[in-house]
């Protein structure tokens, strides 16, 4: 199985809808990740073998990117809370109309772009490695 197939299989296994259902059901994030790792152990080994020491910087960059995503979500939450407080104050005016921000749609679109970029980067690394071999 090549790396692109492994990544596609892992992506299909990590369904955001299923993860959100588990979180809403009260499952611990650590348990969710451990279950995912156990269920996809073979694919994770293949991916781990593909990412050699020379590509560890890619993983570090992905980790920093993940932290940035978390900070962005916190910023969105903060702004949404601030907007909610502001909207509550404006509700007393007769011309008030509330616009809904669809956070789930935003995150889904944003994460899909992240996965596509990740696949492109891994493909480029693979092609570069093949070219030098």
N, C-alpha and C. Protein backbone atom coordinates (compact mmCIF):
# COMPACT_ATOMS: atom_id res chain seq x y z
N UNK A 1 0.85 -1.17 0.00
CA UNK A 1 0.00 0.00 0.00
C UNK A 1 0.90 1.23 0.00
N UNK A 2 0.66 2.16 -0.93
CA UNK A 2 1.49 3.35 -0.96
C UNK A 2 1.00 4.40 0.04
N UNK A 3 1.81 5.42 0.21
CA UNK A 3 1.54 6.42 1.25
C UNK A 3 0.25 7.18 0.96
N UNK A 4 -0.02 7.48 -0.30
CA UNK A 4 -1.25 8.21 -0.63
C UNK A 4 -2.49 7.40 -0.25
N UNK A 5 -2.44 6.09 -0.48
CA UNK A 5 -3.56 5.24 -0.09
C UNK A 5 -3.70 5.19 1.43
N UNK A 6 -2.57 5.13 2.12
CA UNK A 6 -2.58 5.13 3.59
C UNK A 6 -3.19 6.42 4.11
N UNK A 7 -2.76 7.55 3.54
CA UNK A 7 -3.30 8.85 3.98
C UNK A 7 -4.79 8.94 3.71
N UNK A 8 -5.22 8.45 2.57
CA UNK A 8 -6.65 8.48 2.25
C UNK A 8 -7.42 7.61 3.22
N UNK A 9 -6.88 6.43 3.50
CA UNK A 9 -7.54 5.52 4.44
C UNK A 9 -7.61 6.14 5.84
N UNK A 10 -6.52 6.75 6.29
CA UNK A 10 -6.51 7.41 7.60
C UNK A 10 -7.49 8.57 7.63
N UNK A 11 -7.53 9.33 6.56
CA UNK A 11 -8.45 10.48 6.48
C UNK A 11 -9.90 10.01 6.56
N UNK A 12 -10.20 8.91 5.87
CA UNK A 12 -11.57 8.38 5.92
C UNK A 12 -11.91 7.83 7.30
N UNK A 13 -10.90 7.29 8.00
CA UNK A 13 -11.13 6.75 9.34
C UNK A 13 -11.34 7.85 10.38
N UNK A 14 -10.76 9.01 10.14
CA UNK A 14 -10.83 10.13 11.09
C UNK A 14 -11.94 11.07 10.63
N UNK A 15 -13.15 10.62 10.70
CA UNK A 15 -14.31 11.40 10.30
C UNK A 15 -14.62 12.43 11.39
N UNK A 16 -14.61 13.69 11.03
CA UNK A 16 -14.89 14.74 12.01
C UNK A 16 -16.29 14.61 12.59
N UNK A 17 -17.23 14.17 11.77
CA UNK A 17 -18.59 13.99 12.27
C UNK A 17 -18.63 12.92 13.36
N UNK A 18 -17.94 11.80 13.12
CA UNK A 18 -17.91 10.72 14.11
C UNK A 18 -17.19 11.17 15.39
N UNK A 19 -16.10 11.91 15.21
CA UNK A 19 -15.34 12.40 16.37
C UNK A 19 -16.20 13.35 17.19
N UNK A 20 -16.90 14.26 16.51
CA UNK A 20 -17.77 15.19 17.23
C UNK A 20 -18.89 14.46 17.97
N UNK A 21 -19.43 13.41 17.37
CA UNK A 21 -20.45 12.61 18.05
C UNK A 21 -19.89 11.98 19.32
N UNK A 22 -18.66 11.47 19.22
CA UNK A 22 -18.03 10.86 20.39
C UNK A 22 -17.78 11.89 21.48
N UNK A 23 -17.34 13.07 21.07
CA UNK A 23 -17.08 14.14 22.05
C UNK A 23 -18.38 14.56 22.72
N UNK A 24 -19.45 14.72 21.92
CA UNK A 24 -20.74 15.10 22.48
C UNK A 24 -21.29 14.02 23.41
N UNK A 25 -20.92 12.76 23.14
CA UNK A 25 -21.36 11.66 23.99
C UNK A 25 -20.55 11.60 25.28
N UNK A 26 -19.53 12.45 25.38
CA UNK A 26 -18.75 12.53 26.62
C UNK A 26 -17.48 11.72 26.62
N UNK A 27 -17.06 11.23 25.46
CA UNK A 27 -15.83 10.45 25.40
C UNK A 27 -14.63 11.36 25.55
N UNK A 28 -13.62 10.88 26.22
CA UNK A 28 -12.38 11.60 26.45
C UNK A 28 -11.58 11.68 25.15
N UNK A 29 -11.01 12.85 24.81
CA UNK A 29 -10.21 12.95 23.57
C UNK A 29 -9.04 11.97 23.54
N UNK A 30 -8.45 11.71 24.69
CA UNK A 30 -7.33 10.77 24.73
C UNK A 30 -7.79 9.37 24.34
N UNK A 31 -8.96 8.99 24.80
CA UNK A 31 -9.53 7.68 24.45
C UNK A 31 -9.83 7.60 22.96
N UNK A 32 -10.35 8.69 22.41
CA UNK A 32 -10.67 8.73 20.98
C UNK A 32 -9.39 8.51 20.16
N UNK A 33 -8.32 9.21 20.53
CA UNK A 33 -7.05 9.10 19.79
C UNK A 33 -6.47 7.70 19.97
N UNK A 34 -6.52 7.16 21.19
CA UNK A 34 -5.98 5.82 21.42
C UNK A 34 -6.75 4.76 20.63
N UNK A 35 -8.07 4.89 20.59
CA UNK A 35 -8.87 3.95 19.80
C UNK A 35 -8.53 4.06 18.31
N UNK A 36 -8.37 5.28 17.82
CA UNK A 36 -8.02 5.50 16.41
C UNK A 36 -6.66 4.86 16.11
N UNK A 37 -5.69 5.09 17.01
CA UNK A 37 -4.34 4.54 16.81
C UNK A 37 -4.38 3.01 16.82
N UNK A 38 -5.16 2.43 17.72
CA UNK A 38 -5.26 0.98 17.80
C UNK A 38 -5.92 0.41 16.54
N UNK A 39 -6.99 1.06 16.07
CA UNK A 39 -7.71 0.58 14.90
C UNK A 39 -6.92 0.75 13.60
N UNK A 40 -6.02 1.72 13.57
CA UNK A 40 -5.27 2.01 12.34
C UNK A 40 -3.77 1.80 12.53
N UNK A 41 -3.41 0.85 13.37
CA UNK A 41 -2.01 0.62 13.71
C UNK A 41 -1.15 0.33 12.48
N UNK A 42 -1.65 -0.50 11.57
CA UNK A 42 -0.86 -0.86 10.39
C UNK A 42 -0.60 0.36 9.51
N UNK A 43 -1.64 1.16 9.27
CA UNK A 43 -1.47 2.36 8.44
C UNK A 43 -0.53 3.36 9.10
N UNK A 44 -0.62 3.49 10.42
CA UNK A 44 0.27 4.41 11.12
C UNK A 44 1.72 3.94 11.06
N UNK A 45 1.93 2.61 11.09
CA UNK A 45 3.30 2.08 10.96
C UNK A 45 3.86 2.39 9.57
N UNK A 46 3.03 2.19 8.54
CA UNK A 46 3.47 2.49 7.18
C UNK A 46 3.83 3.97 7.05
N UNK A 47 2.97 4.82 7.58
CA UNK A 47 3.22 6.26 7.52
C UNK A 47 4.47 6.62 8.32
N UNK A 48 4.63 6.00 9.48
CA UNK A 48 5.82 6.25 10.30
C UNK A 48 7.09 5.83 9.59
N UNK A 49 7.05 4.69 8.89
CA UNK A 49 8.22 4.24 8.14
C UNK A 49 8.53 5.18 6.98
N UNK A 50 7.51 5.77 6.43
CA UNK A 50 7.73 6.69 5.32
C UNK A 50 8.38 8.00 5.77
N UNK A 51 7.99 8.43 6.94
CA UNK A 51 8.53 9.69 7.45
C UNK A 51 9.81 9.37 8.20
N UNK A 52 10.91 9.54 7.54
CA UNK A 52 12.21 9.24 8.12
C UNK A 52 12.72 10.46 8.89
N UNK A 53 13.91 10.36 9.41
CA UNK A 53 14.50 11.45 10.17
C UNK A 53 14.56 12.75 9.38
N UNK A 54 14.75 12.64 8.08
CA UNK A 54 14.84 13.84 7.27
C UNK A 54 13.49 14.56 7.16
N UNK A 55 12.41 13.87 7.42
CA UNK A 55 11.09 14.46 7.31
C UNK A 55 10.47 14.79 8.66
N UNK A 56 11.22 14.63 9.74
CA UNK A 56 10.68 14.94 11.06
C UNK A 56 10.32 16.41 11.18
N UNK A 57 11.02 17.26 10.44
CA UNK A 57 10.68 18.69 10.49
C UNK A 57 9.27 18.91 9.96
N UNK A 58 8.84 18.07 9.03
CA UNK A 58 7.46 18.16 8.53
C UNK A 58 6.47 17.91 9.66
N UNK A 59 6.73 16.89 10.48
CA UNK A 59 5.85 16.61 11.61
C UNK A 59 5.86 17.76 12.61
N UNK A 60 7.03 18.33 12.84
CA UNK A 60 7.11 19.47 13.76
C UNK A 60 6.31 20.65 13.22
N UNK A 61 6.41 20.87 11.91
CA UNK A 61 5.64 21.95 11.30
C UNK A 61 4.13 21.69 11.40
N UNK A 62 3.74 20.43 11.23
CA UNK A 62 2.32 20.08 11.36
C UNK A 62 1.84 20.27 12.79
N UNK A 63 2.72 20.00 13.75
CA UNK A 63 2.36 20.20 15.15
C UNK A 63 2.16 21.69 15.44
N UNK A 64 3.05 22.53 14.91
CA UNK A 64 2.90 23.97 15.08
C UNK A 64 1.63 24.45 14.40
N UNK A 65 1.34 23.89 13.22
CA UNK A 65 0.12 24.25 12.51
C UNK A 65 -1.11 23.88 13.34
N UNK A 66 -1.06 22.73 13.97
CA UNK A 66 -2.17 22.30 14.82
C UNK A 66 -2.36 23.26 15.99
N UNK A 67 -1.26 23.72 16.58
CA UNK A 67 -1.37 24.70 17.66
C UNK A 67 -1.98 26.00 17.15
N UNK A 68 -1.60 26.39 15.94
CA UNK A 68 -2.18 27.60 15.35
C UNK A 68 -3.69 27.44 15.15
N UNK A 69 -4.09 26.25 14.71
CA UNK A 69 -5.53 25.99 14.53
C UNK A 69 -6.26 26.11 15.86
N UNK A 70 -5.66 25.58 16.92
CA UNK A 70 -6.27 25.67 18.24
C UNK A 70 -6.40 27.12 18.69
N UNK A 71 -5.35 27.89 18.46
CA UNK A 71 -5.40 29.31 18.83
C UNK A 71 -6.46 30.04 18.02
N UNK A 72 -6.58 29.67 16.74
CA UNK A 72 -7.60 30.31 15.90
C UNK A 72 -9.00 29.97 16.41
N UNK A 73 -9.22 28.73 16.80
CA UNK A 73 -10.51 28.33 17.35
C UNK A 73 -10.80 29.11 18.63
N UNK A 74 -9.78 29.26 19.49
CA UNK A 74 -9.97 30.06 20.70
C UNK A 74 -10.31 31.50 20.37
N UNK A 75 -9.64 32.04 19.37
CA UNK A 75 -9.92 33.43 18.95
C UNK A 75 -11.34 33.57 18.42
N UNK A 76 -11.76 32.59 17.63
CA UNK A 76 -13.14 32.61 17.10
C UNK A 76 -14.14 32.52 18.24
N UNK A 77 -13.87 31.64 19.21
CA UNK A 77 -14.76 31.50 20.37
C UNK A 77 -14.83 32.82 21.15
N UNK A 78 -13.69 33.44 21.37
CA UNK A 78 -13.66 34.70 22.10
C UNK A 78 -14.45 35.77 21.37
N UNK A 79 -14.24 35.86 20.08
CA UNK A 79 -14.98 36.87 19.30
C UNK A 79 -16.46 36.56 19.26
N UNK A 80 -16.81 35.29 19.18
CA UNK A 80 -18.22 34.92 19.16
C UNK A 80 -18.89 35.28 20.48
N UNK A 81 -18.19 35.02 21.59
CA UNK A 81 -18.73 35.39 22.90
C UNK A 81 -18.88 36.89 23.02
N UNK A 82 -17.89 37.62 22.54
CA UNK A 82 -17.96 39.08 22.58
C UNK A 82 -19.11 39.58 21.71
N UNK A 83 -19.25 38.97 20.54
CA UNK A 83 -20.34 39.35 19.63
C UNK A 83 -21.69 39.03 20.25
N UNK A 84 -21.78 37.90 20.95
CA UNK A 84 -23.03 37.51 21.59
C UNK A 84 -23.41 38.53 22.66
N UNK A 85 -22.43 38.97 23.44
CA UNK A 85 -22.70 39.99 24.46
C UNK A 85 -23.13 41.30 23.82
N UNK A 86 -22.47 41.66 22.72
CA UNK A 86 -22.83 42.89 22.01
C UNK A 86 -24.23 42.76 21.42
N UNK A 87 -24.54 41.59 20.88
CA UNK A 87 -25.86 41.37 20.29
C UNK A 87 -26.96 41.42 21.34
N UNK A 88 -26.66 40.91 22.54
CA UNK A 88 -27.65 40.96 23.62
C UNK A 88 -27.99 42.41 23.96
N UNK A 89 -26.98 43.25 23.92
CA UNK A 89 -27.21 44.67 24.20
C UNK A 89 -28.01 45.34 23.09
N UNK A 90 -27.82 44.87 21.86
CA UNK A 90 -28.52 45.47 20.72
C UNK A 90 -29.94 44.95 20.56
N UNK A 91 -30.27 43.86 21.23
CA UNK A 91 -31.59 43.25 21.07
C UNK A 91 -32.71 44.20 21.45
N UNK A 92 -32.42 45.14 22.25
CA UNK A 92 -33.45 46.08 22.68
C UNK A 92 -33.85 47.04 21.57
N UNK A 93 -33.01 47.17 20.54
CA UNK A 93 -33.37 48.05 19.44
C UNK A 93 -34.30 47.32 18.47
N UNK A 94 -35.27 48.02 17.84
CA UNK A 94 -36.25 47.35 16.98
C UNK A 94 -35.68 46.85 15.66
N UNK A 95 -34.58 47.36 15.18
CA UNK A 95 -34.03 46.98 13.88
C UNK A 95 -32.97 45.88 13.99
N UNK A 96 -32.97 45.17 15.08
CA UNK A 96 -31.95 44.14 15.30
C UNK A 96 -32.24 42.90 14.47
N UNK A 97 -31.19 42.42 13.76
CA UNK A 97 -31.29 41.14 13.06
C UNK A 97 -30.00 40.37 13.33
N UNK A 98 -30.13 39.14 13.79
CA UNK A 98 -28.96 38.33 14.17
C UNK A 98 -28.52 37.48 12.98
N UNK A 99 -27.22 37.55 12.70
CA UNK A 99 -26.63 36.70 11.67
C UNK A 99 -25.95 35.53 12.38
N UNK A 100 -26.17 34.34 11.87
CA UNK A 100 -25.58 33.17 12.49
C UNK A 100 -24.25 32.84 11.82
N UNK A 101 -23.26 32.60 12.65
CA UNK A 101 -21.96 32.17 12.16
C UNK A 101 -21.92 30.65 12.23
N UNK A 102 -21.70 30.02 11.12
CA UNK A 102 -21.71 28.56 11.05
C UNK A 102 -20.29 28.05 11.27
N UNK A 103 -19.95 27.84 12.54
CA UNK A 103 -18.61 27.42 12.92
C UNK A 103 -18.27 26.04 12.35
N UNK A 104 -19.21 25.11 12.38
CA UNK A 104 -18.92 23.77 11.86
C UNK A 104 -18.60 23.79 10.38
N UNK A 105 -19.30 24.61 9.62
CA UNK A 105 -19.02 24.73 8.18
C UNK A 105 -17.63 25.33 7.96
N UNK A 106 -17.30 26.36 8.75
CA UNK A 106 -16.00 27.02 8.63
C UNK A 106 -14.87 26.04 8.92
N UNK A 107 -14.99 25.28 10.02
CA UNK A 107 -13.93 24.35 10.41
C UNK A 107 -13.82 23.21 9.39
N UNK A 108 -14.96 22.72 8.90
CA UNK A 108 -14.93 21.63 7.92
C UNK A 108 -14.21 22.08 6.65
N UNK A 109 -14.55 23.25 6.14
CA UNK A 109 -13.91 23.76 4.93
C UNK A 109 -12.43 23.99 5.18
N UNK A 110 -12.10 24.56 6.31
CA UNK A 110 -10.72 24.88 6.65
C UNK A 110 -9.91 23.61 6.81
N UNK A 111 -10.45 22.58 7.48
CA UNK A 111 -9.70 21.35 7.70
C UNK A 111 -9.52 20.59 6.39
N UNK A 112 -10.50 20.66 5.49
CA UNK A 112 -10.35 19.99 4.19
C UNK A 112 -9.18 20.60 3.42
N UNK A 113 -9.04 21.91 3.48
CA UNK A 113 -7.91 22.55 2.81
C UNK A 113 -6.60 22.12 3.46
N UNK A 114 -6.60 21.97 4.78
CA UNK A 114 -5.41 21.52 5.49
C UNK A 114 -5.01 20.12 5.02
N UNK A 115 -5.97 19.22 4.90
CA UNK A 115 -5.68 17.84 4.47
C UNK A 115 -5.13 17.84 3.04
N UNK A 116 -5.71 18.64 2.18
CA UNK A 116 -5.24 18.71 0.79
C UNK A 116 -3.80 19.22 0.75
N UNK A 117 -3.52 20.26 1.52
CA UNK A 117 -2.16 20.81 1.56
C UNK A 117 -1.20 19.76 2.12
N UNK A 118 -1.63 19.04 3.15
CA UNK A 118 -0.80 17.99 3.73
C UNK A 118 -0.50 16.91 2.69
N UNK A 119 -1.49 16.49 1.93
CA UNK A 119 -1.28 15.47 0.91
C UNK A 119 -0.32 15.97 -0.17
N UNK A 120 -0.45 17.21 -0.56
CA UNK A 120 0.45 17.78 -1.56
C UNK A 120 1.88 17.81 -1.03
N UNK A 121 2.06 18.23 0.22
CA UNK A 121 3.40 18.31 0.80
C UNK A 121 4.02 16.92 0.88
N UNK A 122 3.26 15.94 1.31
CA UNK A 122 3.80 14.57 1.41
C UNK A 122 4.12 14.03 0.02
N UNK A 123 3.28 14.33 -0.96
CA UNK A 123 3.56 13.89 -2.33
C UNK A 123 4.84 14.54 -2.85
N UNK A 124 5.01 15.82 -2.55
CA UNK A 124 6.23 16.50 -2.99
C UNK A 124 7.46 15.89 -2.33
N UNK A 125 7.36 15.56 -1.06
CA UNK A 125 8.49 14.93 -0.37
C UNK A 125 8.79 13.57 -1.02
N UNK A 126 7.75 12.81 -1.30
CA UNK A 126 7.95 11.50 -1.93
C UNK A 126 8.61 11.64 -3.30
N UNK A 127 8.11 12.59 -4.09
CA UNK A 127 8.68 12.77 -5.42
C UNK A 127 10.13 13.23 -5.34
N UNK A 128 10.42 14.11 -4.38
CA UNK A 128 11.78 14.59 -4.22
C UNK A 128 12.69 13.44 -3.80
N UNK A 129 12.21 12.62 -2.89
CA UNK A 129 13.00 11.49 -2.43
C UNK A 129 13.25 10.51 -3.58
N UNK A 130 12.24 10.28 -4.42
CA UNK A 130 12.40 9.39 -5.56
C UNK A 130 13.39 9.98 -6.58
N UNK A 131 13.33 11.28 -6.74
CA UNK A 131 14.22 11.93 -7.71
C UNK A 131 15.68 11.82 -7.28
N UNK A 132 15.93 11.87 -5.98
CA UNK A 132 17.31 11.80 -5.48
C UNK A 132 17.79 10.36 -5.36
N UNK A 133 16.86 9.42 -5.43
CA UNK A 133 17.27 8.01 -5.28
C UNK A 133 17.88 7.46 -6.54
